[in-house]
PDB file of N, CA and C in Angstrom:
ATOM      1  N   MET A   1       1.154  -1.226   0.088  1.00  0.00           N
ATOM      2  CA  MET A   1      -0.475  -0.236   0.454  1.00  0.00           C
ATOM      3  C   MET A   1       1.124   1.299   0.221  1.00  0.00           C
ATOM      4  N   GLN A   2       0.619   2.299  -0.607  1.00  0.00           N
ATOM      5  CA  GLN A   2       1.396   3.267  -1.450  1.00  0.00           C
ATOM      6  C   GLN A   2       1.237   4.791  -0.489  1.00  0.00           C
ATOM      7  N   ILE A   3       1.456   5.222   0.112  1.00  0.00           N
ATOM      8  CA  ILE A   3       1.302   6.453   1.259  1.00  0.00           C
ATOM      9  C   ILE A   3      -0.028   7.808   0.328  1.00  0.00           C
ATOM     10  N   ASP A   4      -0.117   7.973  -0.713  1.00  0.00           N
ATOM     11  CA  ASP A   4      -1.215   8.329  -0.998  1.00  0.00           C
ATOM     12  C   ASP A   4      -1.983   7.637  -0.542  1.00  0.00           C
ATOM     13  N   GLN A   5      -2.210   6.148  -1.112  1.00  0.00           N
ATOM     14  CA  GLN A   5      -3.513   5.644  -0.621  1.00  0.00           C
ATOM     15  C   GLN A   5      -4.613   5.477   0.739  1.00  0.00           C
ATOM     16  N   LEU A   6      -2.706   5.509   1.312  1.00  0.00           N
ATOM     17  CA  LEU A   6      -3.380   6.310   3.129  1.00  0.00           C
ATOM     18  C   LEU A   6      -4.459   7.204   3.464  1.00  0.00           C
ATOM     19  N   LEU A   7      -3.791   8.225   2.355  1.00  0.00           N
ATOM     20  CA  LEU A   7      -3.921   9.679   3.127  1.00  0.00           C
ATOM     21  C   LEU A   7      -5.076   9.449   2.455  1.00  0.00           C
ATOM     22  N   GLN A   8      -6.162   8.566   1.622  1.00  0.00           N
ATOM     23  CA  GLN A   8      -7.691   9.047   0.849  1.00  0.00           C
ATOM     24  C   GLN A   8      -8.307   9.082   1.681  1.00  0.00           C
ATOM     25  N   GLY A   9      -9.447   9.570   2.319  1.00  0.00           N
ATOM     26  CA  GLY A   9     -10.376   8.910   2.361  1.00  0.00           C
ATOM     27  C   GLY A   9     -10.739   9.367   4.144  1.00  0.00           C
ATOM     28  N   ALA A  10     -11.834   7.515   4.322  1.00  0.00           N
ATOM     29  CA  ALA A  10     -11.394   7.243   6.221  1.00  0.00           C
ATOM     30  C   ALA A  10     -10.328   6.563   5.945  1.00  0.00           C
ATOM     31  N   ASN A  11      -9.031   6.673   5.852  1.00  0.00           N
ATOM     32  CA  ASN A  11      -7.563   6.277   6.233  1.00  0.00           C
ATOM     33  C   ASN A  11      -7.108   7.290   6.475  1.00  0.00           C
ATOM     34  N   ILE A  12      -7.216   8.546   6.133  1.00  0.00           N
ATOM     35  CA  ILE A  12      -6.963   9.693   7.037  1.00  0.00           C
ATOM     36  C   ILE A  12      -7.255   9.918   8.883  1.00  0.00           C
ATOM     37  N   TYR A  13      -7.984   8.427   8.606  1.00  0.00           N
ATOM     38  CA  TYR A  13      -8.534   9.326  10.516  1.00  0.00           C
ATOM     39  C   TYR A  13      -8.485   8.316  11.533  1.00  0.00           C
ATOM     40  N   VAL A  14      -7.956   6.708  10.720  1.00  0.00           N
ATOM     41  CA  VAL A  14      -7.541   5.698  11.190  1.00  0.00           C
ATOM     42  C   VAL A  14      -5.820   6.484  11.477  1.00  0.00           C
ATOM     43  N   LEU A  15      -5.252   6.821  10.923  1.00  0.00           N
ATOM     44  CA  LEU A  15      -3.672   7.367  10.793  1.00  0.00           C
ATOM     45  C   LEU A  15      -3.476   7.832  11.975  1.00  0.00           C
ATOM     46  N   LEU A  16      -4.672   9.278  12.179  1.00  0.00           N
ATOM     47  CA  LEU A  16      -4.642   9.905  13.344  1.00  0.00           C
ATOM     48  C   LEU A  16      -4.930   9.246  14.055  1.00  0.00           C
ATOM     49  N   GLY A  17      -5.892   8.535  14.089  1.00  0.00           N
ATOM     50  CA  GLY A  17      -5.962   7.895  15.402  1.00  0.00           C
ATOM     51  C   GLY A  17      -4.778   7.114  15.298  1.00  0.00           C
ATOM     52  N   VAL A  18      -3.942   6.234  14.593  1.00  0.00           N
ATOM     53  CA  VAL A  18      -3.261   5.837  15.235  1.00  0.00           C
ATOM     54  C   VAL A  18      -1.898   5.960  15.639  1.00  0.00           C
ATOM     55  N   CYS A  19      -1.646   7.311  15.617  1.00  0.00           N
ATOM     56  CA  CYS A  19      -0.833   8.832  15.539  1.00  0.00           C
ATOM     57  C   CYS A  19      -0.616   8.897  16.968  1.00  0.00           C
ATOM     58  N   CYS A  20      -2.020   9.318  17.249  1.00  0.00           N
ATOM     59  CA  CYS A  20      -2.435   9.674  18.940  1.00  0.00           C
ATOM     60  C   CYS A  20      -2.705   8.659  19.767  1.00  0.00           C
ATOM     61  N   ALA A  21      -2.435   7.597  19.662  1.00  0.00           N
ATOM     62  CA  ALA A  21      -2.753   6.352  20.510  1.00  0.00           C
ATOM     63  C   ALA A  21      -1.086   6.118  20.642  1.00  0.00           C
ATOM     64  N   GLY A  22      -0.635   6.546  19.446  1.00  0.00           N
ATOM     65  CA  GLY A  22       0.882   6.102  19.245  1.00  0.00           C
ATOM     66  C   GLY A  22       2.059   7.365  20.852  1.00  0.00           C
ATOM     67  N   LEU A  23       1.252   8.267  20.123  1.00  0.00           N
ATOM     68  CA  LEU A  23       1.738   9.845  21.370  1.00  0.00           C
ATOM     69  C   LEU A  23       1.131   9.221  22.614  1.00  0.00           C
ATOM     70  N   CYS A  24       0.207   8.796  23.019  1.00  0.00           N
ATOM     71  CA  CYS A  24      -0.314   8.459  24.433  1.00  0.00           C
ATOM     72  C   CYS A  24       0.372   7.244  25.101  1.00  0.00           C
ATOM     73  N   VAL A  25       1.065   6.334  23.798  1.00  0.00           N
ATOM     74  CA  VAL A  25       1.840   5.433  24.929  1.00  0.00           C
ATOM     75  C   VAL A  25       3.453   5.447  25.272  1.00  0.00           C
ATOM     76  N   ILE A  26       4.152   6.815  24.291  1.00  0.00           N
ATOM     77  CA  ILE A  26       5.530   7.082  24.349  1.00  0.00           C
ATOM     78  C   ILE A  26       5.045   8.529  25.091  1.00  0.00           C
ATOM     79  N   GLY A  27       4.005   9.014  25.937  1.00  0.00           N
ATOM     80  CA  GLY A  27       4.171   9.559  26.822  1.00  0.00           C
ATOM     81  C   GLY A  27       3.661   9.104  28.440  1.00  0.00           C
ATOM     82  N   LEU A  28       2.846   7.966  28.481  1.00  0.00           N
ATOM     83  CA  LEU A  28       2.966   7.077  29.411  1.00  0.00           C
ATOM     84  C   LEU A  28       4.671   6.855  29.757  1.00  0.00           C
ATOM     85  N   VAL A  29       4.817   6.233  28.634  1.00  0.00           N
ATOM     86  CA  VAL A  29       6.116   5.617  28.839  1.00  0.00           C
ATOM     87  C   VAL A  29       7.496   6.910  29.712  1.00  0.00           C
ATOM     88  N   LEU A  30       6.935   7.519  28.696  1.00  0.00           N
ATOM     89  CA  LEU A  30       7.815   9.121  30.129  1.00  0.00           C
ATOM     90  C   LEU A  30       7.684   9.206  31.017  1.00  0.00           C
ATOM     91  N   ALA A  31       6.779   9.102  31.107  1.00  0.00           N
ATOM     92  CA  ALA A  31       5.881   9.138  32.418  1.00  0.00           C
ATOM     93  C   ALA A  31       6.627   8.544  33.500  1.00  0.00           C
ATOM     94  N   ILE A  32       6.859   6.845  33.390  1.00  0.00           N
ATOM     95  CA  ILE A  32       7.164   6.165  33.657  1.00  0.00           C
ATOM     96  C   ILE A  32       8.797   6.672  33.741  1.00  0.00           C
ATOM     97  N   VAL A  33       9.134   6.285  33.321  1.00  0.00           N
ATOM     98  CA  VAL A  33      10.939   6.228  33.043  1.00  0.00           C
ATOM     99  C   VAL A  33      11.340   7.553  33.978  1.00  0.00           C
ATOM    100  N   ALA A  34      10.964   8.738  33.633  1.00  0.00           N
ATOM    101  CA  ALA A  34      11.879  10.032  33.895  1.00  0.00           C
ATOM    102  C   ALA A  34      11.642   9.873  35.210  1.00  0.00           C
ATOM    103  N   PRO A  35      10.758   9.656  36.452  1.00  0.00           N
ATOM    104  CA  PRO A  35      11.265   9.773  37.322  1.00  0.00           C
ATOM    105  C   PRO A  35      12.047   8.080  38.086  1.00  0.00           C
ATOM    106  N   LEU A  36      12.200   7.580  37.605  1.00  0.00           N
ATOM    107  CA  LEU A  36      13.372   6.480  37.266  1.00  0.00           C
ATOM    108  C   LEU A  36      14.686   6.498  37.201  1.00  0.00           C
ATOM    109  N   LEU A  37      14.816   7.959  35.748  1.00  0.00           N
ATOM    110  CA  LEU A  37      16.046   8.326  35.927  1.00  0.00           C
ATOM    111  C   LEU A  37      16.291   9.090  36.475  1.00  0.00           C
ATOM    112  N   ASP A  38      15.691  10.403  37.323  1.00  0.00           N
ATOM    113  CA  ASP A  38      15.637  10.930  38.459  1.00  0.00           C
ATOM    114  C   ASP A  38      16.699  10.648  39.035  1.00  0.00           C
ATOM    115  N   ILE A  39      16.085   8.757  39.888  1.00  0.00           N
ATOM    116  CA  ILE A  39      17.013   8.465  40.909  1.00  0.00           C
ATOM    117  C   ILE A  39      17.796   7.513  40.591  1.00  0.00           C
ATOM    118  N   VAL A  40      18.351   6.798  39.388  1.00  0.00           N
ATOM    119  CA  VAL A  40      19.042   6.217  39.428  1.00  0.00           C
ATOM    120  C   VAL A  40      20.512   7.685  39.154  1.00  0.00           C
ATOM    121  N   THR A  41      20.687   8.613  38.585  1.00  0.00           N
ATOM    122  CA  THR A  41      20.907  10.236  38.713  1.00  0.00           C
ATOM    123  C   THR A  41      20.683  10.459  40.007  1.00  0.00           C
ATOM    124  N   GLY A  42      20.525  10.756  40.340  1.00  0.00           N
ATOM    125  CA  GLY A  42      20.670  10.415  41.975  1.00  0.00           C
ATOM    126  C   GLY A  42      21.161   9.881  42.894  1.00  0.00           C
ATOM    127  N   VAL A  43      21.471   9.376  42.084  1.00  0.00           N
ATOM    128  CA  VAL A  43      22.138   7.938  43.143  1.00  0.00           C
ATOM    129  C   VAL A  43      23.402   7.990  42.729  1.00  0.00           C
ATOM    130  N   LEU A  44      23.509   7.870  41.692  1.00  0.00           N
ATOM    131  CA  LEU A  44      25.327   8.000  41.050  1.00  0.00           C
ATOM    132  C   LEU A  44      25.810   9.367  41.716  1.00  0.00           C
ATOM    133  N   GLY A  45      24.947  10.526  41.500  1.00  0.00           N
ATOM    134  CA  GLY A  45      25.321  11.781  42.000  1.00  0.00           C
ATOM    135  C   GLY A  45      25.728  11.248  43.170  1.00  0.00           C
ATOM    136  N   MET A  46      25.124  10.761  44.189  1.00  0.00           N
ATOM    137  CA  MET A  46      25.247  10.767  45.740  1.00  0.00           C
ATOM    138  C   MET A  46      26.904   9.919  46.009  1.00  0.00           C
ATOM    139  N   VAL A  47      26.747   8.553  45.075  1.00  0.00           N
ATOM    140  CA  VAL A  47      28.092   7.738  45.098  1.00  0.00           C
ATOM    141  C   VAL A  47      29.080   8.606  44.624  1.00  0.00           C
ATOM    142  N   LEU A  48      29.297   9.869  43.268  1.00  0.00           N
ATOM    143  CA  LEU A  48      30.594  10.223  43.291  1.00  0.00           C
ATOM    144  C   LEU A  48      30.670  11.326  44.233  1.00  0.00           C
ATOM    145  N   ASP A  49      29.916  11.767  44.698  1.00  0.00           N
ATOM    146  CA  ASP A  49      30.273  13.030  45.666  1.00  0.00           C
ATOM    147  C   ASP A  49      30.450  12.205  46.882  1.00  0.00           C
ATOM    148  N   LEU A  50      30.364  10.590  47.724  1.00  0.00           N
ATOM    149  CA  LEU A  50      31.190  10.173  48.385  1.00  0.00           C
ATOM    150  C   LEU A  50      32.389   9.636  47.849  1.00  0.00           C
ATOM    151  N   ALA A  51      32.840   9.660  46.660  1.00  0.00           N
ATOM    152  CA  ALA A  51      33.414   8.389  45.979  1.00  0.00           C
ATOM    153  C   ALA A  51      34.999  10.164  46.304  1.00  0.00           C
ATOM    154  N   SER A  52      34.591  11.663  45.566  1.00  0.00           N
ATOM    155  CA  SER A  52      35.245  12.119  45.670  1.00  0.00           C
ATOM    156  C   SER A  52      35.903  12.888  47.167  1.00  0.00           C
ATOM    157  N   THR A  53      34.542  12.642  48.141  1.00  0.00           N
ATOM    158  CA  THR A  53      35.346  12.539  49.304  1.00  0.00           C
ATOM    159  C   THR A  53      35.736  11.990  49.191  1.00  0.00           C
ATOM    160  N   LEU A  54      36.030  10.693  49.560  1.00  0.00           N
ATOM    161  CA  LEU A  54      37.121   9.929  50.347  1.00  0.00           C
ATOM    162  C   LEU A  54      38.172  10.334  49.608  1.00  0.00           C
ATOM    163  N   PHE A  55      38.530  10.621  48.142  1.00  0.00           N
ATOM    164  CA  PHE A  55      39.612  10.490  47.350  1.00  0.00           C
ATOM    165  C   PHE A  55      40.513  12.393  48.284  1.00  0.00           C
ATOM    166  N   SER A  56      39.868  12.969  48.654  1.00  0.00           N
ATOM    167  CA  SER A  56      39.987  13.868  49.421  1.00  0.00           C
ATOM    168  C   SER A  56      40.196  14.080  51.260  1.00  0.00           C
ATOM    169  N   VAL A  57      40.518  13.051  51.678  1.00  0.00           N
ATOM    170  CA  VAL A  57      40.383  12.838  53.293  1.00  0.00           C
ATOM    171  C   VAL A  57      41.517  12.560  53.543  1.00  0.00           C
ATOM    172  N   GLY A  58      41.905  13.345  54.618  1.00  0.00           N
ATOM    173  CA  GLY A  58      43.286  12.746  55.073  1.00  0.00           C
ATOM    174  C   GLY A  58      44.082  14.625  55.241  1.00  0.00           C
ATOM    175  N   PRO A  59      45.350  14.932  55.471  1.00  0.00           N
ATOM    176  CA  PRO A  59      46.250  15.523  55.890  1.00  0.00           C
ATOM    177  C   PRO A  59      46.562  16.119  54.436  1.00  0.00           C
ATOM    178  N   ILE A  60      46.691  15.428  53.810  1.00  0.00           N
ATOM    179  CA  ILE A  60      47.131  15.623  52.454  1.00  0.00           C
ATOM    180  C   ILE A  60      46.079  15.090  51.002  1.00  0.00           C
ATOM    181  N   PRO A  61      45.793  16.418  50.287  1.00  0.00           N
ATOM    182  CA  PRO A  61      44.641  15.929  49.717  1.00  0.00           C
ATOM    183  C   PRO A  61      45.031  15.119  48.244  1.00  0.00           C
ATOM    184  N   GLY A  62      44.616  13.664  48.505  1.00  0.00           N
ATOM    185  CA  GLY A  62      45.019  12.439  47.212  1.00  0.00           C
ATOM    186  C   GLY A  62      45.028  11.790  48.097  1.00  0.00           C
ATOM    187  N   CYS A  63      45.718  11.817  49.367  1.00  0.00           N
ATOM    188  CA  CYS A  63      45.747  11.088  50.807  1.00  0.00           C
ATOM    189  C   CYS A  63      44.799   9.723  50.511  1.00  0.00           C
ATOM    190  N   GLY A  64      43.538  10.341  50.910  1.00  0.00           N
ATOM    191  CA  GLY A  64      42.754   9.387  50.752  1.00  0.00           C
ATOM    192  C   GLY A  64      42.004   8.604  48.865  1.00  0.00           C
ATOM    193  N   CYS A  65      42.505   9.310  48.127  1.00  0.00           N
ATOM    194  CA  CYS A  65      42.913   8.511  47.103  1.00  0.00           C
ATOM    195  C   CYS A  65      43.822   7.078  47.078  1.00  0.00           C
ATOM    196  N   ALA A  66      45.850   7.339  47.116  1.00  0.00           N
ATOM    197  CA  ALA A  66      45.971   6.557  47.345  1.00  0.00           C
ATOM    198  C   ALA A  66      45.568   5.219  48.989  1.00  0.00           C
ATOM    199  N   LEU A  67      44.683   5.836  49.600  1.00  0.00           N
ATOM    200  CA  LEU A  67      44.065   5.004  50.332  1.00  0.00           C
ATOM    201  C   LEU A  67      43.188   3.276  50.105  1.00  0.00           C
ATOM    202  N   VAL A  68      42.237   4.243  48.618  1.00  0.00           N
ATOM    203  CA  VAL A  68      41.718   3.148  48.610  1.00  0.00           C
ATOM    204  C   VAL A  68      42.361   2.629  47.382  1.00  0.00           C
ATOM    205  N   LEU A  69      42.707   4.057  46.050  1.00  0.00           N
ATOM    206  CA  LEU A  69      43.565   2.575  45.066  1.00  0.00           C
ATOM    207  C   LEU A  69      44.647   0.726  46.135  1.00  0.00           C
ATOM    208  N   ALA A  70      44.681   1.701  47.741  1.00  0.00           N
ATOM    209  CA  ALA A  70      45.335   0.391  47.971  1.00  0.00           C
ATOM    210  C   ALA A  70      45.224  -0.332  48.303  1.00  0.00           C
ATOM    211  N   VAL A  71      43.755  -0.509  49.086  1.00  0.00           N
ATOM    212  CA  VAL A  71      42.066  -1.131  49.207  1.00  0.00           C
ATOM    213  C   VAL A  71      42.295  -2.388  48.215  1.00  0.00           C
ATOM    214  N   ILE A  72      41.543  -1.959  46.958  1.00  0.00           N
ATOM    215  CA  ILE A  72      41.304  -1.811  46.212  1.00  0.00           C
ATOM    216  C   ILE A  72      42.652  -3.071  45.074  1.00  0.00           C
ATOM    217  N   ALA A  73      43.784  -3.143  45.136  1.00  0.00           N
ATOM    218  CA  ALA A  73      45.066  -3.637  45.137  1.00  0.00           C
ATOM    219  C   ALA A  73      44.894  -4.239  45.865  1.00  0.00           C
ATOM    220  N   GLY A  74      44.505  -4.440  47.242  1.00  0.00           N
ATOM    221  CA  GLY A  74      44.894  -6.040  48.287  1.00  0.00           C
ATOM    222  C   GLY A  74      43.374  -6.571  47.681  1.00  0.00           C
ATOM    223  N   VAL A  75      42.755  -6.382  47.883  1.00  0.00           N
ATOM    224  CA  VAL A  75      41.337  -6.940  47.743  1.00  0.00           C
ATOM    225  C   VAL A  75      41.729  -8.047  46.016  1.00  0.00           C
ATOM    226  N   LEU A  76      42.023  -7.454  44.782  1.00  0.00           N
ATOM    227  CA  LEU A  76      42.524  -7.855  44.033  1.00  0.00           C
ATOM    228  C   LEU A  76      43.234  -9.314  44.200  1.00  0.00           C
ATOM    229  N   THR A  77      44.616  -9.016  45.100  1.00  0.00           N
ATOM    230  CA  THR A  77      45.444  -8.973  44.919  1.00  0.00           C
ATOM    231  C   THR A  77      45.254 -11.104  45.486  1.00  0.00           C
ATOM    232  N   VAL A  78      44.006 -10.635  47.217  1.00  0.00           N
ATOM    233  CA  VAL A  78      43.631 -11.772  47.821  1.00  0.00           C
ATOM    234  C   VAL A  78      42.219 -12.796  46.743  1.00  0.00           C
ATOM    235  N   GLY A  79      42.327 -12.489  45.770  1.00  0.00           N
ATOM    236  CA  GLY A  79      41.223 -12.653  44.873  1.00  0.00           C
ATOM    237  C   GLY A  79      42.181 -13.780  43.595  1.00  0.00           C
ATOM    238  N   ALA A  80      43.107 -13.561  44.138  1.00  0.00           N
ATOM    239  CA  ALA A  80      43.710 -13.558  42.662  1.00  0.00           C
ATOM    240  C   ALA A  80      45.300 -14.925  43.734  1.00  0.00           C
ATOM    241  N   LEU A  81      44.976 -15.325  44.950  1.00  0.00           N
ATOM    242  CA  LEU A  81      45.668 -15.776  45.701  1.00  0.00           C
ATOM    243  C   LEU A  81      44.829 -16.785  46.078  1.00  0.00           C
ATOM    244  N   VAL A  82      43.577 -16.616  46.486  1.00  0.00           N
ATOM    245  CA  VAL A  82      42.367 -17.718  46.626  1.00  0.00           C
ATOM    246  C   VAL A  82      42.300 -18.074  44.976  1.00  0.00           C
ATOM    247  N   THR A  83      42.210 -17.871  44.215  1.00  0.00           N
ATOM    248  CA  THR A  83      41.574 -18.237  42.763  1.00  0.00           C
ATOM    249  C   THR A  83      42.740 -19.469  42.406  1.00  0.00           C
ATOM    250  N   SER A  84      43.900 -18.760  42.635  1.00  0.00           N
ATOM    251  CA  SER A  84      44.937 -19.425  42.122  1.00  0.00           C
ATOM    252  C   SER A  84      45.002 -20.948  43.447  1.00  0.00           C
ATOM    253  N   ILE A  85      44.573 -20.970  44.902  1.00  0.00           N
ATOM    254  CA  ILE A  85      45.205 -21.830  45.657  1.00  0.00           C
ATOM    255  C   ILE A  85      43.412 -22.943  44.908  1.00  0.00           C
ATOM    256  N   LEU A  86      42.612 -22.522  44.694  1.00  0.00           N
ATOM    257  CA  LEU A  86      41.896 -23.108  44.342  1.00  0.00           C
ATOM    258  C   LEU A  86      41.132 -23.990  42.827  1.00  0.00           C
ATOM    259  N   SER A  87      42.023 -23.330  41.949  1.00  0.00           N
ATOM    260  CA  SER A  87      42.891 -24.375  40.623  1.00  0.00           C
ATOM    261  C   SER A  87      43.318 -25.139  41.115  1.00  0.00           C
ATOM    262  N   THR A  88      44.558 -25.763  42.384  1.00  0.00           N
ATOM    263  CA  THR A  88      44.901 -26.529  42.711  1.00  0.00           C
ATOM    264  C   THR A  88      44.128 -27.852  43.582  1.00  0.00           C
ATOM    265  N   CYS A  89      42.745 -27.173  43.555  1.00  0.00           N
ATOM    266  CA  CYS A  89      42.451 -28.366  44.469  1.00  0.00           C
ATOM    267  C   CYS A  89      41.729 -29.819  43.179  1.00  0.00           C
ATOM    268  N   GLY A  90      42.008 -30.937  44.427  1.00  0.00           N
ATOM    269  CA  GLY A  90      42.247 -32.110  42.792  1.00  0.00           C
ATOM    270  C   GLY A  90      42.706 -32.633  42.569  1.00  0.00           C
ATOM    271  N   THR A  91      43.970 -31.961  42.872  1.00  0.00           N
ATOM    272  CA  THR A  91      45.550 -32.324  42.482  1.00  0.00           C
ATOM    273  C   THR A  91      46.246 -32.726  42.909  1.00  0.00           C
ATOM    274  N   ALA A  92      47.448 -33.569  42.794  1.00  0.00           N
ATOM    275  CA  ALA A  92      48.409 -33.272  43.403  1.00  0.00           C
ATOM    276  C   ALA A  92      48.831 -32.889  44.408  1.00  0.00           C
ATOM    277  N   GLN A  93      48.835 -31.004  44.208  1.00  0.00           N
ATOM    278  CA  GLN A  93      49.607 -30.288  44.816  1.00  0.00           C
ATOM    279  C   GLN A  93      48.358 -29.437  45.551  1.00  0.00           C
ATOM    280  N   ALA A  94      47.064 -30.308  46.104  1.00  0.00           N
ATOM    281  CA  ALA A  94      45.912 -29.734  46.751  1.00  0.00           C
ATOM    282  C   ALA A  94      46.908 -28.889  48.414  1.00  0.00           C
ATOM    283  N   THR A  95      46.138 -28.241  48.849  1.00  0.00           N
ATOM    284  CA  THR A  95      46.994 -27.362  50.572  1.00  0.00           C
ATOM    285  C   THR A  95      45.641 -27.610  50.863  1.00  0.00           C
ATOM    286  N   ASN A  96      45.728 -27.227  52.380  1.00  0.00           N
ATOM    287  CA  ASN A  96      44.393 -27.687  53.536  1.00  0.00           C
ATOM    288  C   ASN A  96      43.388 -27.081  53.296  1.00  0.00           C
ATOM    289  N   PHE A  97      43.798 -26.138  52.246  1.00  0.00           N
ATOM    290  CA  PHE A  97      42.611 -24.651  52.296  1.00  0.00           C
ATOM    291  C   PHE A  97      41.510 -25.209  51.648  1.00  0.00           C
ATOM    292  N   CYS A  98      41.694 -26.061  50.664  1.00  0.00           N
ATOM    293  CA  CYS A  98      41.181 -26.702  49.612  1.00  0.00           C
ATOM    294  C   CYS A  98      40.137 -28.077  50.605  1.00  0.00           C
ATOM    295  N   SER A  99      40.084 -28.549  51.014  1.00  0.00           N
ATOM    296  CA  SER A  99      39.452 -28.739  52.270  1.00  0.00           C
ATOM    297  C   SER A  99      38.485 -28.061  53.311  1.00  0.00           C
ATOM    298  N   LEU A 100      38.778 -26.587  53.195  1.00  0.00           N
ATOM    299  CA  LEU A 100      37.172 -25.820  53.793  1.00  0.00           C
ATOM    300  C   LEU A 100      35.840 -25.909  52.822  1.00  0.00           C
ATOM    301  N   PHE A 101      36.165 -26.147  50.800  1.00  0.00           N
ATOM    302  CA  PHE A 101      35.416 -26.393  50.046  1.00  0.00           C
ATOM    303  C   PHE A 101      35.266 -27.485  49.783  1.00  0.00           C
ATOM    304  N   GLY A 102      35.627 -28.207  50.585  1.00  0.00           N
ATOM    305  CA  GLY A 102      34.987 -29.703  50.328  1.00  0.00           C
ATOM    306  C   GLY A 102      36.096 -30.563  49.151  1.00  0.00           C
ATOM    307  N   ARG A 103      37.289 -31.504  48.292  1.00  0.00           N
ATOM    308  CA  ARG A 103      37.834 -32.043  48.210  1.00  0.00           C
ATOM    309  C   ARG A 103      37.045 -32.746  46.481  1.00  0.00           C
TER     310      ARG A 103
END
């Protein structure tokens, strides 16, 4: 069906009705999504504010940043060690640590 056939006679009213219904659906979706986006951006702003506060803690600005990076590095190191130890479970090199998780 060509566009000029759609715009003839009674089809124009159907087309206008479909457009109006589509706009109503889009409006309802925006009415639901906009407050949710406001909540998400508010939480993200609070997290960024908390992070910037943590990074500026201490007698010297940037000391808190170094502390946070050291904690993250420590957590990653412990995770890598645990993963390495658990990969030996079930082999001849199994450690007593594996007995905590079952062999």
